[in-house]
Amino acid sequence: MNQLEQLKQYTTVVADTGDFQSIKAYAPQDATTNPSLILKAVQKDEYKPLLEKAVRDNPTASTGDIIDKLLIAFGTEILKFVPGRVSTEIDAALSFDVAGNVAKGRELISLYEKAGIPRERVLIKIASTWEGIRASEQLEKEGIRTNMTLLFSLCQAIACAEAGSQLISPFVGRIYDWYKKSTGIDYQGAEDPGVQSVKRIYNYYRKFGYKTEVMGASFRNTSQILELAGCDLLTISPELLQKLSATQGAVARKMSAADTGTAVKIAMDEKTFRFMLNEDAMATEKLAEGIRAFVADSNKLKQMISAMR
């Protein structure tokens, strides 16, 4: 049995891609997308027709509305290949806009429902800013499930859990990138700061009884993935899914619900959140950088649409 099949015994495997063929090949439970992945996909010949159709069918719509239609088109197609859920991301330009995130979340769910997709099969991805977390809290109360992304720190994770967010996506690889760049150390296995961050969050949630799901994301190598075997979910790129499926060797469970650690409960409010985030240089820098990168890719997609009209 290859490593991917073994990993699936302990963890829900999610495909981190907009590429239907990759999703079909590796049979994940769920799939996640983001602006960068959608931009990458529509530049391939096999997916250009989805973009062309979204533009052609909505001649008077704004570029933003066309992107929404495109996101729904990708999500609807992806759900033909996964039995579970698809994550669709709100424009990162709304990262500090509570009302904007709530309105866009409602709009995306409405578009999915009009396409015949029940809301239970969709997670709305929102940046884990204080404002994004407040939007998640509101949407969850309305039965709209959220996936909190661009998450790099325990304070973000605690705030999301207390808001009742369905799922969080702590970014293992980007944490690793920051520490490798700042220290010059190529961290391996359990010493990887990104791996340690996810374990700390997972154990905190278990100790204090939070129901929010933990989905490790943004991996740089299979070692990071295997160190998190047993985490609720792991969202993995096609390249790393391929490596896991092509590799033999035992995969051991590294995390379980019995792992609670020695965490002390932190009372989380806005002041505490903002101070803890500010004290964490890595999380502050990576959150800002991630928002900028997703906005830049959304803008590239808008430019592509404008050029087609």
Protein backbone atom coordinates (compact mmCIF):
# COMPACT_ATOMS: atom_id res chain seq x y z
CA MET A 1 0.00 0.00 0.00
CA ASN A 2 1.46 3.37 -0.98
CA GLN A 3 1.85 6.28 1.42
CA LEU A 4 -1.21 8.13 0.13
CA GLU A 5 -3.49 5.15 0.75
CA GLN A 6 -2.02 4.70 4.23
CA LEU A 7 -2.42 8.40 5.02
CA LYS A 8 -6.11 8.16 4.12
CA GLN A 9 -6.55 5.65 6.98
CA TYR A 10 -5.72 8.37 9.53
CA THR A 11 -6.62 11.67 7.87
CA THR A 12 -9.15 13.07 5.41
CA VAL A 13 -7.15 13.86 2.28
CA VAL A 14 -8.12 17.00 0.37
CA ALA A 15 -6.85 18.07 -3.07
CA ASP A 16 -5.44 21.59 -3.15
CA THR A 17 -6.06 22.40 -6.81
CA GLY A 18 -8.45 23.63 -9.47
CA ASP A 19 -7.30 20.84 -11.80
CA PHE A 20 -10.13 18.32 -12.26
CA GLN A 21 -7.85 15.67 -13.74
CA SER A 22 -5.62 15.68 -10.65
CA ILE A 23 -8.66 15.43 -8.42
CA LYS A 24 -9.96 12.50 -10.42
CA ALA A 25 -6.58 10.74 -10.27
CA TYR A 26 -6.10 10.82 -6.48
CA ALA A 27 -9.68 10.36 -5.21
CA PRO A 28 -9.62 12.88 -2.34
CA GLN A 29 -12.61 13.43 -0.05
CA ASP A 30 -12.71 17.23 -0.51
CA ALA A 31 -11.03 19.88 -2.64
CA THR A 32 -9.85 23.44 -1.99
CA THR A 33 -9.27 26.31 -4.38
CA ASN A 34 -7.94 29.85 -4.06
CA PRO A 35 -7.41 32.77 -6.49
CA SER A 36 -3.88 31.62 -7.35
CA LEU A 37 -5.01 28.08 -8.17
CA ILE A 38 -7.93 29.28 -10.31
CA LEU A 39 -5.63 31.70 -12.18
CA LYS A 40 -3.20 28.83 -12.80
CA ALA A 41 -6.00 26.55 -14.02
CA VAL A 42 -7.61 28.95 -16.51
CA GLN A 43 -4.28 29.40 -18.27
CA LYS A 44 -4.43 25.73 -19.29
CA ASP A 45 -6.15 24.91 -22.58
CA GLU A 46 -8.51 22.37 -20.99
CA TYR A 47 -9.95 24.93 -18.56
CA LYS A 48 -10.05 28.05 -20.75
CA PRO A 49 -13.58 27.14 -21.95
CA LEU A 50 -14.90 27.66 -18.40
CA LEU A 51 -13.53 31.20 -18.37
CA GLU A 52 -14.76 31.89 -21.91
CA LYS A 53 -18.24 30.66 -21.01
CA ALA A 54 -18.39 32.80 -17.86
CA VAL A 55 -17.49 35.88 -19.93
CA ARG A 56 -19.80 35.00 -22.84
CA ASP A 57 -22.83 34.22 -20.68
CA ASN A 58 -22.57 37.43 -18.63
CA PRO A 59 -21.97 40.27 -21.14
CA THR A 60 -23.20 43.06 -18.86
CA ALA A 61 -21.78 41.75 -15.57
CA SER A 62 -18.86 43.33 -13.75
CA THR A 63 -15.52 41.53 -13.80
CA GLY A 64 -16.05 40.72 -10.12
CA ASP A 65 -19.39 39.06 -10.86
CA ILE A 66 -17.85 37.09 -13.72
CA ILE A 67 -15.14 35.83 -11.35
CA ASP A 68 -17.88 34.69 -8.97
CA LYS A 69 -19.55 32.79 -11.81
CA LEU A 70 -16.18 31.27 -12.71
CA LEU A 71 -15.57 30.18 -9.11
CA ILE A 72 -18.97 28.49 -9.02
CA ALA A 73 -18.29 26.81 -12.37
CA PHE A 74 -15.04 25.36 -11.04
CA GLY A 75 -16.60 24.36 -7.73
CA THR A 76 -19.56 22.67 -9.42
CA GLU A 77 -17.24 20.68 -11.70
CA ILE A 78 -14.98 19.72 -8.81
CA LEU A 79 -17.95 18.38 -6.85
CA LYS A 80 -18.52 15.86 -9.63
CA PHE A 81 -15.21 14.26 -8.62
CA VAL A 82 -15.20 14.53 -4.82
CA PRO A 83 -17.83 13.05 -2.49
CA GLY A 84 -17.39 15.79 0.11
CA ARG A 85 -16.93 19.55 0.02
CA VAL A 86 -15.30 22.21 -2.10
CA SER A 87 -13.79 25.38 -0.65
CA THR A 88 -14.35 28.60 -2.61
CA GLU A 89 -12.50 31.75 -1.61
CA ILE A 90 -13.85 35.26 -1.14
CA ASP A 91 -11.80 38.03 -2.77
CA ALA A 92 -8.93 38.84 -0.38
CA ALA A 93 -9.56 42.55 -1.03
CA LEU A 94 -12.43 42.13 1.46
CA SER A 95 -10.13 40.82 4.20
CA PHE A 96 -10.80 43.79 6.51
CA ASP A 97 -14.50 44.21 5.64
CA VAL A 98 -16.93 42.29 7.86
CA ALA A 99 -20.08 43.29 5.96
CA GLY A 100 -18.37 42.73 2.60
CA ASN A 101 -17.34 39.19 3.53
CA VAL A 102 -20.80 38.35 4.84
CA ALA A 103 -22.52 39.70 1.71
CA LYS A 104 -20.10 37.87 -0.61
CA GLY A 105 -20.43 34.63 1.35
CA ARG A 106 -24.23 34.78 1.03
CA GLU A 107 -23.93 35.59 -2.66
CA LEU A 108 -21.60 32.65 -3.41
CA ILE A 109 -23.82 30.20 -1.52
CA SER A 110 -26.86 31.52 -3.41
CA LEU A 111 -25.06 30.94 -6.72
CA TYR A 112 -24.16 27.40 -5.68
CA GLU A 113 -27.72 26.67 -4.62
CA LYS A 114 -29.03 27.99 -7.95
CA ALA A 115 -26.61 25.53 -9.60
CA GLY A 116 -28.17 22.71 -7.59
CA ILE A 117 -25.38 22.40 -5.01
CA PRO A 118 -26.53 22.25 -1.36
CA ARG A 119 -24.69 24.59 1.01
CA GLU A 120 -23.50 21.61 3.07
CA ARG A 121 -21.09 20.76 0.25
CA VAL A 122 -19.46 24.20 0.17
CA LEU A 123 -16.98 25.92 2.47
CA ILE A 124 -16.55 29.66 2.01
CA LYS A 125 -12.88 30.58 2.45
CA ILE A 126 -12.14 33.80 4.31
CA ALA A 127 -8.83 35.31 5.45
CA SER A 128 -8.27 34.88 9.21
CA THR A 129 -8.17 38.57 10.04
CA TRP A 130 -10.20 39.79 13.01
CA GLU A 131 -12.79 41.11 10.54
CA GLY A 132 -12.80 37.86 8.56
CA ILE A 133 -13.38 35.88 11.75
CA ARG A 134 -16.33 38.10 12.70
CA ALA A 135 -17.79 37.49 9.23
CA SER A 136 -17.32 33.75 9.70
CA GLU A 137 -19.20 33.94 12.99
CA GLN A 138 -22.17 35.60 11.26
CA LEU A 139 -22.18 33.24 8.27
CA GLU A 140 -21.98 30.13 10.48
CA LYS A 141 -25.08 31.32 12.35
CA GLU A 142 -26.86 31.40 8.97
CA GLY A 143 -25.81 27.84 8.14
CA ILE A 144 -23.05 28.92 5.75
CA ARG A 145 -19.92 26.97 6.59
CA THR A 146 -16.54 28.65 6.50
CA ASN A 147 -12.92 27.66 5.94
CA MET A 148 -10.59 30.16 7.60
CA THR A 149 -7.47 30.54 5.51
CA LEU A 150 -4.15 32.44 5.75
CA LEU A 151 -3.84 31.19 9.31
CA PHE A 152 -0.37 31.27 10.87
CA SER A 153 -0.81 31.58 14.63
CA LEU A 154 -2.53 30.19 17.71
CA CYS A 155 -4.40 33.46 18.36
CA GLN A 156 -6.03 33.24 14.92
CA ALA A 157 -6.95 29.60 15.54
CA ILE A 158 -8.49 30.32 18.96
CA ALA A 159 -10.53 33.25 17.63
CA CYS A 160 -11.83 31.08 14.76
CA ALA A 161 -12.83 28.26 17.11
CA GLU A 162 -14.62 30.65 19.46
CA ALA A 163 -16.45 32.15 16.45
CA GLY A 164 -17.72 28.65 15.54
CA SER A 165 -15.87 28.42 12.22
CA GLN A 166 -16.31 25.02 10.58
CA LEU A 167 -12.66 24.61 9.59
CA ILE A 168 -9.27 26.30 9.72
CA SER A 169 -6.36 25.98 7.27
CA PRO A 170 -3.05 26.59 9.08
CA PHE A 171 -0.32 27.17 6.47
CA VAL A 172 2.52 24.79 7.24
CA GLY A 173 4.78 25.56 4.27
CA ARG A 174 4.64 29.33 4.53
CA ILE A 175 5.57 29.16 8.23
CA TYR A 176 8.47 26.89 7.29
CA ASP A 177 9.52 29.33 4.55
CA TRP A 178 9.67 32.24 6.99
CA TYR A 179 11.73 30.41 9.61
CA LYS A 180 14.07 28.89 7.02
CA LYS A 181 14.71 32.35 5.56
CA SER A 182 15.20 34.01 8.96
CA THR A 183 17.41 31.29 10.53
CA GLY A 184 19.02 29.57 7.53
CA ILE A 185 17.96 26.20 8.95
CA ASP A 186 16.30 23.64 6.66
CA TYR A 187 13.94 22.17 9.25
CA GLN A 188 13.06 18.49 8.96
CA GLY A 189 10.30 16.30 10.36
CA ALA A 190 8.97 17.12 13.82
CA GLU A 191 11.40 20.07 14.13
CA ASP A 192 9.58 21.95 11.35
CA PRO A 193 7.99 25.12 12.84
CA GLY A 194 4.98 24.78 10.49
CA VAL A 195 4.36 21.21 11.67
CA GLN A 196 4.75 22.29 15.30
CA SER A 197 2.22 25.11 14.80
CA VAL A 198 -0.46 22.74 13.52
CA LYS A 199 0.16 20.26 16.34
CA ARG A 200 -0.07 23.05 18.93
CA ILE A 201 -3.41 24.23 17.48
CA TYR A 202 -4.77 20.68 17.17
CA ASN A 203 -3.86 19.86 20.77
CA TYR A 204 -5.36 23.13 22.05
CA TYR A 205 -8.64 22.38 20.28
CA ARG A 206 -8.73 18.85 21.72
CA LYS A 207 -7.92 19.97 25.24
CA PHE A 208 -10.66 22.60 25.35
CA GLY A 209 -13.29 20.76 23.33
CA TYR A 210 -13.52 22.95 20.21
CA LYS A 211 -15.34 21.37 17.27
CA THR A 212 -13.62 23.39 14.53
CA GLU A 213 -11.80 21.09 12.09
CA VAL A 214 -8.06 21.49 11.57
CA MET A 215 -6.81 21.14 7.98
CA GLY A 216 -3.07 21.48 7.48
CA ALA A 217 -2.30 23.33 4.24
CA SER A 218 0.51 24.81 2.10
CA PHE A 219 3.00 21.95 2.16
CA ARG A 220 6.52 22.07 0.76
CA ASN A 221 7.38 18.36 1.03
CA THR A 222 5.89 15.00 1.95
CA SER A 223 7.79 14.93 5.27
CA GLN A 224 5.60 17.77 6.55
CA ILE A 225 2.49 15.87 5.50
CA LEU A 226 3.52 12.58 7.10
CA GLU A 227 4.39 14.34 10.38
CA LEU A 228 0.72 15.44 10.53
CA ALA A 229 -0.82 12.01 9.83
CA GLY A 230 -3.88 11.88 12.06
CA CYS A 231 -4.77 15.58 11.72
CA ASP A 232 -8.46 16.07 10.87
CA LEU A 233 -7.72 16.95 7.25
CA LEU A 234 -4.71 17.77 5.08
CA THR A 235 -5.04 19.66 1.80
CA ILE A 236 -2.28 18.63 -0.59
CA SER A 237 -1.10 19.81 -4.02
CA PRO A 238 -1.25 17.38 -7.00
CA GLU A 239 2.56 17.27 -7.09
CA LEU A 240 2.79 16.03 -3.51
CA LEU A 241 -0.21 13.71 -3.92
CA GLN A 242 1.69 12.13 -6.81
CA LYS A 243 4.82 11.67 -4.68
CA LEU A 244 2.84 10.06 -1.87
CA SER A 245 1.06 7.73 -4.27
CA ALA A 246 4.37 6.71 -5.88
CA THR A 247 6.13 6.00 -2.57
CA GLN A 248 6.01 2.79 -0.58
CA GLY A 249 6.86 2.62 3.11
CA ALA A 250 5.02 2.67 6.40
CA VAL A 251 3.03 5.72 7.48
CA ALA A 252 2.51 6.05 11.23
CA ARG A 253 -0.21 8.05 12.96
CA LYS A 254 1.49 11.09 14.51
CA MET A 255 -1.60 12.88 15.89
CA SER A 256 -4.71 11.70 17.69
CA ALA A 257 -7.67 13.11 19.60
CA ALA A 258 -5.97 11.98 22.82
CA ASP A 259 -3.18 14.52 22.27
CA THR A 260 -4.01 17.54 24.40
CA GLY A 261 -0.63 18.79 25.56
CA THR A 262 -0.13 21.30 28.37
CA ALA A 263 -1.83 24.34 26.85
CA VAL A 264 -3.29 27.03 29.12
CA LYS A 265 -6.64 28.52 28.06
CA ILE A 266 -6.35 31.99 26.55
CA ALA A 267 -9.26 34.41 26.89
CA MET A 268 -9.55 35.79 23.36
CA ASP A 269 -10.97 39.20 22.56
CA GLU A 270 -10.07 41.75 19.91
CA LYS A 271 -7.35 43.46 21.97
CA THR A 272 -5.72 40.14 22.86
CA PHE A 273 -5.95 38.93 19.26
CA ARG A 274 -4.37 42.03 17.78
CA PHE A 275 -1.60 42.14 20.40
CA MET A 276 -0.73 38.43 20.06
CA LEU A 277 -0.71 38.69 16.27
CA ASN A 278 1.48 41.80 16.42
CA GLU A 279 3.93 40.03 18.75
CA ASP A 280 4.28 37.21 16.20
CA ALA A 281 6.44 38.69 13.41
CA MET A 282 6.09 35.60 11.22
CA ALA A 283 2.29 35.55 11.41
CA THR A 284 1.99 39.31 10.89
CA GLU A 285 4.25 39.26 7.82
CA LYS A 286 2.80 36.09 6.28
CA LEU A 287 -0.82 37.20 6.74
CA ALA A 288 -0.14 40.55 5.03
CA GLU A 289 1.93 38.90 2.30
CA GLY A 290 -0.75 36.25 1.66
CA ILE A 291 -3.51 38.82 1.32
CA ARG A 292 -1.39 40.87 -1.11
CA ALA A 293 -0.58 37.80 -3.21
CA PHE A 294 -4.21 36.65 -3.47
CA VAL A 295 -5.35 40.19 -4.36
CA ALA A 296 -2.65 40.38 -7.06
CA ASP A 297 -3.79 37.08 -8.61
CA SER A 298 -7.45 38.17 -8.47
CA ASN A 299 -6.44 41.35 -10.30
CA LYS A 300 -4.63 39.30 -12.97
CA LEU A 301 -7.80 37.28 -13.46
CA LYS A 302 -9.82 40.50 -13.78
CA GLN A 303 -7.37 41.74 -16.41
CA MET A 304 -7.75 38.50 -18.36
CA ILE A 305 -11.54 38.91 -18.29
CA SER A 306 -11.36 42.56 -19.34
CA ALA A 307 -9.16 41.62 -22.32
CA MET A 308 -11.75 39.06 -23.47
CA ARG A 309 -14.69 41.48 -23.56
